[in-house]
Amino acid sequence: MGFQHGRLATLFVDTEASACQNVTATVTTITFNRSISNPDTTTMGHNSVQRDVAGLRDATLDFSFIFNHGTGACPVELLDGMYSGSAVRRVQYAPACVAGSPVYSASMRLNNFSYTSPVDGVITGTANFELASGSVASALIS
């Protein structure tokens, strides 16, 4: 798999009925972050850092989109439902929807979302999901 264009990224979020919904059509940017908070376990007898204890894992997914309410492809209805119910949903992200690309899947909770309505432009939105439970699973697109 060679270099891939960002337009090939794909984002799926489960609906309230657990149906997998592709929300990529109006998405303009996706940022997927994974981190581990490895504790510093240096002791008095050692003069360099030791990391003998596995840290806690976390993941977030941020995305921005163009507001296009009522089309079914826009994540607005999905986000409104998640916000009102504090629901945990399965989120799937593929950096490039091509053979050999990884696809990441996790149970995530909506952390925040917002709309921006400029006087001279289109309405846009941003949203942030955070890992709710478990860990991030990954597989390759075949």
N, C-alpha and C. Protein backbone atom coordinates (compact mmCIF):
# COMPACT_ATOMS: atom_id res chain seq x y z
N MET A 1 0.84 -1.17 0.00
CA MET A 1 0.00 0.00 0.00
C MET A 1 0.89 1.23 0.00
N GLY A 2 0.74 2.08 -1.00
CA GLY A 2 1.54 3.29 -1.11
C GLY A 2 0.90 4.46 -0.39
N PHE A 3 1.35 5.65 -0.73
CA PHE A 3 0.77 6.86 -0.14
C PHE A 3 -0.70 6.95 -0.51
N GLN A 4 -1.51 7.44 0.42
CA GLN A 4 -2.94 7.55 0.19
C GLN A 4 -3.42 8.97 0.44
N HIS A 5 -4.44 9.38 -0.28
CA HIS A 5 -5.02 10.71 -0.14
C HIS A 5 -6.00 10.71 1.03
N GLY A 6 -6.09 11.80 1.77
CA GLY A 6 -6.98 11.91 2.92
C GLY A 6 -8.45 11.75 2.58
N ARG A 7 -8.82 12.00 1.34
CA ARG A 7 -10.23 11.87 0.94
C ARG A 7 -10.71 10.43 1.01
N LEU A 8 -9.78 9.47 1.14
CA LEU A 8 -10.14 8.06 1.21
C LEU A 8 -10.49 7.60 2.63
N ALA A 9 -10.36 8.51 3.60
CA ALA A 9 -10.70 8.17 4.99
C ALA A 9 -12.19 7.92 5.11
N THR A 10 -12.55 7.04 6.03
CA THR A 10 -13.95 6.68 6.24
C THR A 10 -14.26 6.66 7.73
N LEU A 11 -15.44 7.17 8.09
CA LEU A 11 -15.87 7.21 9.48
C LEU A 11 -17.29 6.64 9.58
N PHE A 12 -17.45 5.62 10.43
CA PHE A 12 -18.74 5.01 10.70
C PHE A 12 -19.06 5.17 12.18
N VAL A 13 -20.33 5.48 12.48
CA VAL A 13 -20.79 5.58 13.87
C VAL A 13 -22.11 4.82 13.95
N ASP A 14 -22.24 3.98 14.98
CA ASP A 14 -23.49 3.24 15.16
C ASP A 14 -24.62 4.17 15.56
N THR A 15 -25.81 3.90 15.03
CA THR A 15 -27.00 4.65 15.39
C THR A 15 -27.56 4.10 16.71
N GLU A 16 -28.64 4.71 17.18
CA GLU A 16 -29.28 4.25 18.40
C GLU A 16 -29.79 2.81 18.26
N ALA A 17 -30.13 2.43 17.02
CA ALA A 17 -30.62 1.07 16.74
C ALA A 17 -29.47 0.11 16.43
N SER A 18 -28.23 0.53 16.69
CA SER A 18 -27.02 -0.27 16.45
C SER A 18 -26.75 -0.55 14.98
N ALA A 19 -27.28 0.27 14.10
CA ALA A 19 -26.97 0.17 12.67
C ALA A 19 -25.72 1.00 12.39
N CYS A 20 -24.83 0.47 11.61
CA CYS A 20 -23.57 1.14 11.28
C CYS A 20 -23.83 2.21 10.21
N GLN A 21 -23.65 3.50 10.56
CA GLN A 21 -23.95 4.59 9.63
C GLN A 21 -22.67 5.26 9.16
N ASN A 22 -22.50 5.35 7.84
CA ASN A 22 -21.36 6.04 7.25
C ASN A 22 -21.63 7.54 7.28
N VAL A 23 -20.82 8.30 8.01
CA VAL A 23 -21.02 9.76 8.12
C VAL A 23 -19.95 10.53 7.35
N THR A 24 -19.21 9.85 6.51
CA THR A 24 -18.06 10.44 5.83
C THR A 24 -18.42 11.52 4.82
N ALA A 25 -19.60 11.46 4.22
CA ALA A 25 -19.96 12.36 3.11
C ALA A 25 -19.79 13.84 3.42
N THR A 26 -20.06 14.28 4.64
CA THR A 26 -19.94 15.70 4.97
C THR A 26 -18.75 16.01 5.86
N VAL A 27 -17.93 14.99 6.18
CA VAL A 27 -16.76 15.18 7.04
C VAL A 27 -15.62 15.81 6.26
N THR A 28 -14.94 16.79 6.87
CA THR A 28 -13.82 17.47 6.20
C THR A 28 -12.47 17.14 6.82
N THR A 29 -12.43 16.76 8.11
CA THR A 29 -11.17 16.44 8.78
C THR A 29 -11.43 15.39 9.86
N ILE A 30 -10.52 14.41 9.98
CA ILE A 30 -10.59 13.42 11.05
C ILE A 30 -9.21 13.33 11.70
N THR A 31 -9.18 13.39 13.01
CA THR A 31 -7.93 13.22 13.76
C THR A 31 -8.15 12.13 14.80
N PHE A 32 -7.36 11.05 14.70
CA PHE A 32 -7.49 9.92 15.61
C PHE A 32 -6.24 9.89 16.49
N ASN A 33 -6.43 10.01 17.81
CA ASN A 33 -5.32 10.06 18.76
C ASN A 33 -5.38 8.87 19.71
N ARG A 34 -4.23 8.23 19.90
CA ARG A 34 -4.11 7.18 20.92
C ARG A 34 -2.94 7.54 21.83
N SER A 35 -3.11 7.28 23.11
CA SER A 35 -2.05 7.61 24.06
C SER A 35 -1.97 6.57 25.17
N ILE A 36 -0.82 6.55 25.82
CA ILE A 36 -0.59 5.71 26.99
C ILE A 36 0.09 6.59 28.03
N SER A 37 -0.44 6.62 29.23
CA SER A 37 0.19 7.41 30.29
C SER A 37 1.10 6.49 31.09
N ASN A 38 2.32 6.32 30.59
CA ASN A 38 3.29 5.46 31.26
C ASN A 38 3.84 6.15 32.50
N PRO A 39 3.65 5.55 33.68
CA PRO A 39 4.14 6.19 34.90
C PRO A 39 5.67 6.12 34.98
N ASP A 40 6.25 7.15 35.55
CA ASP A 40 7.68 7.18 35.78
C ASP A 40 7.97 6.39 37.04
N THR A 41 8.75 5.32 36.91
CA THR A 41 9.03 4.45 38.06
C THR A 41 10.50 4.47 38.45
N THR A 42 11.16 5.58 38.20
CA THR A 42 12.57 5.68 38.57
C THR A 42 12.71 5.60 40.09
N THR A 43 13.72 4.86 40.52
CA THR A 43 13.97 4.72 41.96
C THR A 43 15.28 5.41 42.33
N MET A 44 15.53 5.53 43.61
CA MET A 44 16.76 6.18 44.08
C MET A 44 18.01 5.46 43.60
N GLY A 45 17.92 4.16 43.39
CA GLY A 45 19.09 3.38 42.99
C GLY A 45 19.39 3.43 41.50
N HIS A 46 18.55 4.10 40.72
CA HIS A 46 18.77 4.17 39.28
C HIS A 46 18.88 5.62 38.84
N ASN A 47 19.78 5.90 37.90
CA ASN A 47 19.98 7.27 37.47
C ASN A 47 19.33 7.56 36.11
N SER A 48 18.53 6.65 35.63
CA SER A 48 17.80 6.91 34.38
C SER A 48 16.35 6.45 34.56
N VAL A 49 15.52 6.81 33.64
CA VAL A 49 14.08 6.52 33.74
C VAL A 49 13.81 5.05 33.48
N GLN A 50 12.99 4.44 34.34
CA GLN A 50 12.52 3.09 34.12
C GLN A 50 11.01 3.15 33.94
N ARG A 51 10.51 2.37 33.03
CA ARG A 51 9.06 2.30 32.84
C ARG A 51 8.66 0.83 32.92
N ASP A 52 8.67 0.31 34.13
CA ASP A 52 8.36 -1.09 34.36
C ASP A 52 6.88 -1.36 34.51
N VAL A 53 6.06 -0.32 34.63
CA VAL A 53 4.63 -0.47 34.85
C VAL A 53 3.90 -0.02 33.58
N ALA A 54 3.05 -0.89 33.06
CA ALA A 54 2.27 -0.52 31.87
C ALA A 54 1.27 0.56 32.25
N GLY A 55 1.17 1.58 31.41
CA GLY A 55 0.28 2.70 31.69
C GLY A 55 -1.14 2.48 31.18
N LEU A 56 -1.98 3.44 31.49
CA LEU A 56 -3.37 3.41 31.05
C LEU A 56 -3.48 3.91 29.61
N ARG A 57 -4.29 3.21 28.82
CA ARG A 57 -4.48 3.60 27.42
C ARG A 57 -5.70 4.49 27.27
N ASP A 58 -5.65 5.37 26.27
CA ASP A 58 -6.78 6.23 25.97
C ASP A 58 -6.80 6.49 24.47
N ALA A 59 -7.95 6.89 23.98
CA ALA A 59 -8.09 7.23 22.57
C ALA A 59 -9.16 8.30 22.42
N THR A 60 -8.93 9.20 21.48
CA THR A 60 -9.93 10.20 21.12
C THR A 60 -10.01 10.29 19.61
N LEU A 61 -11.15 10.72 19.12
CA LEU A 61 -11.33 10.94 17.70
C LEU A 61 -12.05 12.27 17.53
N ASP A 62 -11.40 13.20 16.85
CA ASP A 62 -11.97 14.52 16.56
C ASP A 62 -12.30 14.58 15.08
N PHE A 63 -13.42 15.19 14.75
CA PHE A 63 -13.70 15.40 13.33
C PHE A 63 -14.51 16.68 13.13
N SER A 64 -14.38 17.23 11.95
CA SER A 64 -15.16 18.41 11.58
C SER A 64 -15.99 18.06 10.36
N PHE A 65 -17.09 18.77 10.19
CA PHE A 65 -18.02 18.46 9.11
C PHE A 65 -18.76 19.71 8.67
N ILE A 66 -19.37 19.61 7.50
CA ILE A 66 -20.23 20.67 6.98
C ILE A 66 -21.66 20.33 7.39
N PHE A 67 -22.34 21.30 7.97
CA PHE A 67 -23.72 21.11 8.44
C PHE A 67 -24.64 20.94 7.24
N ASN A 68 -25.32 19.80 7.17
CA ASN A 68 -26.24 19.50 6.07
C ASN A 68 -27.38 18.68 6.66
N HIS A 69 -28.13 19.28 7.55
CA HIS A 69 -29.17 18.62 8.35
C HIS A 69 -30.25 17.99 7.47
N GLY A 70 -30.65 16.78 7.84
CA GLY A 70 -31.76 16.13 7.16
C GLY A 70 -31.38 15.28 5.97
N THR A 71 -30.08 15.18 5.65
CA THR A 71 -29.67 14.41 4.48
C THR A 71 -29.43 12.93 4.82
N GLY A 72 -29.30 12.60 6.08
CA GLY A 72 -29.00 11.23 6.46
C GLY A 72 -27.50 10.95 6.44
N ALA A 73 -26.75 11.69 5.63
CA ALA A 73 -25.30 11.50 5.54
C ALA A 73 -24.57 12.37 6.55
N CYS A 74 -25.23 13.39 7.07
CA CYS A 74 -24.61 14.31 8.01
C CYS A 74 -24.73 13.76 9.43
N PRO A 75 -23.70 13.89 10.24
CA PRO A 75 -23.73 13.33 11.59
C PRO A 75 -24.56 14.12 12.59
N VAL A 76 -25.25 15.18 12.17
CA VAL A 76 -25.98 16.04 13.10
C VAL A 76 -27.00 15.27 13.93
N GLU A 77 -27.87 14.50 13.28
CA GLU A 77 -28.90 13.75 14.00
C GLU A 77 -28.27 12.74 14.97
N LEU A 78 -27.21 12.10 14.52
CA LEU A 78 -26.50 11.12 15.33
C LEU A 78 -25.91 11.78 16.58
N LEU A 79 -25.27 12.92 16.41
CA LEU A 79 -24.65 13.63 17.53
C LEU A 79 -25.69 14.14 18.51
N ASP A 80 -26.80 14.68 17.98
CA ASP A 80 -27.87 15.16 18.86
C ASP A 80 -28.40 14.02 19.74
N GLY A 81 -28.58 12.85 19.14
CA GLY A 81 -29.06 11.69 19.89
C GLY A 81 -28.06 11.22 20.93
N MET A 82 -26.78 11.22 20.58
CA MET A 82 -25.75 10.80 21.53
C MET A 82 -25.63 11.79 22.68
N TYR A 83 -25.79 13.08 22.38
CA TYR A 83 -25.68 14.11 23.42
C TYR A 83 -26.83 13.99 24.42
N SER A 84 -28.03 13.81 23.93
CA SER A 84 -29.19 13.76 24.82
C SER A 84 -29.21 12.49 25.67
N GLY A 85 -28.64 11.40 25.17
CA GLY A 85 -28.68 10.15 25.91
C GLY A 85 -27.39 9.74 26.55
N SER A 86 -26.32 10.53 26.41
CA SER A 86 -25.00 10.17 26.92
C SER A 86 -24.63 8.75 26.52
N ALA A 87 -24.96 8.39 25.30
CA ALA A 87 -24.81 7.02 24.83
C ALA A 87 -23.37 6.67 24.44
N VAL A 88 -23.03 5.41 24.63
CA VAL A 88 -21.77 4.86 24.15
C VAL A 88 -22.07 4.15 22.84
N ARG A 89 -21.31 4.47 21.81
CA ARG A 89 -21.55 3.88 20.50
C ARG A 89 -20.25 3.34 19.92
N ARG A 90 -20.39 2.37 19.01
CA ARG A 90 -19.21 1.87 18.31
C ARG A 90 -18.85 2.88 17.23
N VAL A 91 -17.58 3.23 17.18
CA VAL A 91 -17.05 4.14 16.17
C VAL A 91 -15.97 3.39 15.41
N GLN A 92 -16.02 3.46 14.08
CA GLN A 92 -15.02 2.81 13.24
C GLN A 92 -14.39 3.85 12.33
N TYR A 93 -13.06 3.80 12.23
CA TYR A 93 -12.32 4.77 11.42
C TYR A 93 -11.27 4.05 10.60
N ALA A 94 -11.26 4.32 9.30
CA ALA A 94 -10.22 3.81 8.41
C ALA A 94 -9.51 5.01 7.79
N PRO A 95 -8.19 5.14 8.00
CA PRO A 95 -7.46 6.27 7.42
C PRO A 95 -7.56 6.31 5.89
N ALA A 96 -7.67 5.14 5.28
CA ALA A 96 -7.87 5.05 3.82
C ALA A 96 -8.69 3.79 3.57
N CYS A 97 -9.80 3.92 2.92
CA CYS A 97 -10.67 2.76 2.69
C CYS A 97 -10.19 2.00 1.44
N VAL A 98 -9.01 1.40 1.57
CA VAL A 98 -8.40 0.60 0.50
C VAL A 98 -7.80 -0.66 1.12
N ALA A 99 -7.60 -1.68 0.31
CA ALA A 99 -7.03 -2.95 0.79
C ALA A 99 -5.68 -2.70 1.46
N GLY A 100 -5.49 -3.30 2.62
CA GLY A 100 -4.24 -3.18 3.37
C GLY A 100 -4.24 -2.06 4.39
N SER A 101 -5.24 -1.19 4.35
CA SER A 101 -5.32 -0.09 5.31
C SER A 101 -5.90 -0.59 6.63
N PRO A 102 -5.44 -0.05 7.75
CA PRO A 102 -6.03 -0.45 9.02
C PRO A 102 -7.42 0.17 9.20
N VAL A 103 -8.26 -0.52 9.94
CA VAL A 103 -9.54 0.04 10.37
C VAL A 103 -9.59 -0.14 11.88
N TYR A 104 -9.89 0.96 12.59
CA TYR A 104 -9.91 0.97 14.05
C TYR A 104 -11.35 1.01 14.53
N SER A 105 -11.63 0.26 15.58
CA SER A 105 -12.98 0.19 16.11
C SER A 105 -12.92 0.30 17.63
N ALA A 106 -13.84 1.10 18.21
CA ALA A 106 -13.84 1.27 19.66
C ALA A 106 -15.21 1.70 20.14
N SER A 107 -15.50 1.42 21.39
CA SER A 107 -16.71 1.92 22.05
C SER A 107 -16.37 3.31 22.57
N MET A 108 -17.05 4.31 22.02
CA MET A 108 -16.70 5.69 22.35
C MET A 108 -17.93 6.47 22.81
N ARG A 109 -17.67 7.50 23.58
CA ARG A 109 -18.70 8.40 24.09
C ARG A 109 -18.45 9.79 23.52
N LEU A 110 -19.53 10.48 23.18
CA LEU A 110 -19.41 11.86 22.71
C LEU A 110 -18.93 12.73 23.86
N ASN A 111 -17.84 13.42 23.66
CA ASN A 111 -17.28 14.30 24.69
C ASN A 111 -17.79 15.73 24.51
N ASN A 112 -17.78 16.22 23.28
CA ASN A 112 -18.32 17.55 22.99
C ASN A 112 -18.56 17.71 21.50
N PHE A 113 -19.43 18.63 21.14
CA PHE A 113 -19.59 19.02 19.74
C PHE A 113 -20.12 20.44 19.67
N SER A 114 -19.83 21.10 18.56
CA SER A 114 -20.23 22.49 18.41
C SER A 114 -20.48 22.82 16.95
N TYR A 115 -21.24 23.90 16.74
CA TYR A 115 -21.51 24.41 15.39
C TYR A 115 -20.92 25.80 15.29
N THR A 116 -20.47 26.16 14.10
CA THR A 116 -19.99 27.50 13.81
C THR A 116 -20.81 28.03 12.64
N SER A 117 -21.44 29.21 12.83
CA SER A 117 -22.30 29.79 11.80
C SER A 117 -21.77 31.16 11.40
N PRO A 118 -20.82 31.22 10.47
CA PRO A 118 -20.28 32.51 10.04
C PRO A 118 -21.28 33.26 9.15
N VAL A 119 -21.22 34.56 9.19
CA VAL A 119 -22.14 35.37 8.39
C VAL A 119 -21.84 35.24 6.89
N ASP A 120 -20.61 34.89 6.55
CA ASP A 120 -20.22 34.85 5.14
C ASP A 120 -19.77 33.46 4.67
N GLY A 121 -20.30 32.42 5.29
CA GLY A 121 -19.86 31.08 4.90
C GLY A 121 -20.85 30.00 5.30
N VAL A 122 -20.46 28.76 5.08
CA VAL A 122 -21.33 27.63 5.40
C VAL A 122 -21.24 27.29 6.89
N ILE A 123 -22.28 26.69 7.41
CA ILE A 123 -22.29 26.24 8.80
C ILE A 123 -21.45 24.97 8.89
N THR A 124 -20.55 24.95 9.86
CA THR A 124 -19.70 23.78 10.07
C THR A 124 -19.86 23.29 11.50
N GLY A 125 -19.38 22.11 11.75
CA GLY A 125 -19.44 21.55 13.09
C GLY A 125 -18.17 20.78 13.41
N THR A 126 -17.93 20.59 14.69
CA THR A 126 -16.82 19.75 15.15
C THR A 126 -17.35 18.86 16.26
N ALA A 127 -16.75 17.70 16.39
CA ALA A 127 -17.15 16.76 17.44
C ALA A 127 -15.92 16.03 17.96
N ASN A 128 -16.01 15.58 19.19
CA ASN A 128 -14.93 14.84 19.82
C ASN A 128 -15.51 13.63 20.54
N PHE A 129 -14.98 12.45 20.20
CA PHE A 129 -15.33 11.22 20.89
C PHE A 129 -14.15 10.80 21.76
N GLU A 130 -14.45 10.15 22.90
CA GLU A 130 -13.38 9.60 23.73
C GLU A 130 -13.71 8.15 24.06
N LEU A 131 -12.66 7.38 24.27
CA LEU A 131 -12.81 5.96 24.58
C LEU A 131 -13.67 5.81 25.83
N ALA A 132 -14.73 5.00 25.73
CA ALA A 132 -15.65 4.84 26.85
C ALA A 132 -15.33 3.60 27.67
N SER A 133 -14.96 2.53 27.00
CA SER A 133 -14.64 1.29 27.70
C SER A 133 -13.82 0.40 26.78
N GLY A 134 -13.13 -0.55 27.38
CA GLY A 134 -12.34 -1.49 26.59
C GLY A 134 -11.13 -0.83 25.97
N SER A 135 -10.78 -1.29 24.79
CA SER A 135 -9.63 -0.74 24.10
C SER A 135 -9.95 -0.60 22.61
N VAL A 136 -9.00 -0.10 21.87
CA VAL A 136 -9.17 0.08 20.43
C VAL A 136 -8.77 -1.22 19.73
N ALA A 137 -9.67 -1.74 18.92
CA ALA A 137 -9.36 -2.94 18.13
C ALA A 137 -8.96 -2.50 16.73
N SER A 138 -8.07 -3.25 16.11
CA SER A 138 -7.66 -2.90 14.75
C SER A 138 -7.64 -4.16 13.88
N ALA A 139 -7.89 -3.94 12.62
CA ALA A 139 -7.86 -5.01 11.61
C ALA A 139 -7.43 -4.37 10.30
N LEU A 140 -7.13 -5.19 9.31
CA LEU A 140 -6.76 -4.68 7.98
C LEU A 140 -7.91 -4.89 7.02
N ILE A 141 -8.12 -3.90 6.16
CA ILE A 141 -9.13 -4.02 5.11
C ILE A 141 -8.58 -4.98 4.05
N SER A 142 -9.37 -5.98 3.71
CA SER A 142 -8.91 -6.94 2.71
C SER A 142 -9.53 -6.69 1.35
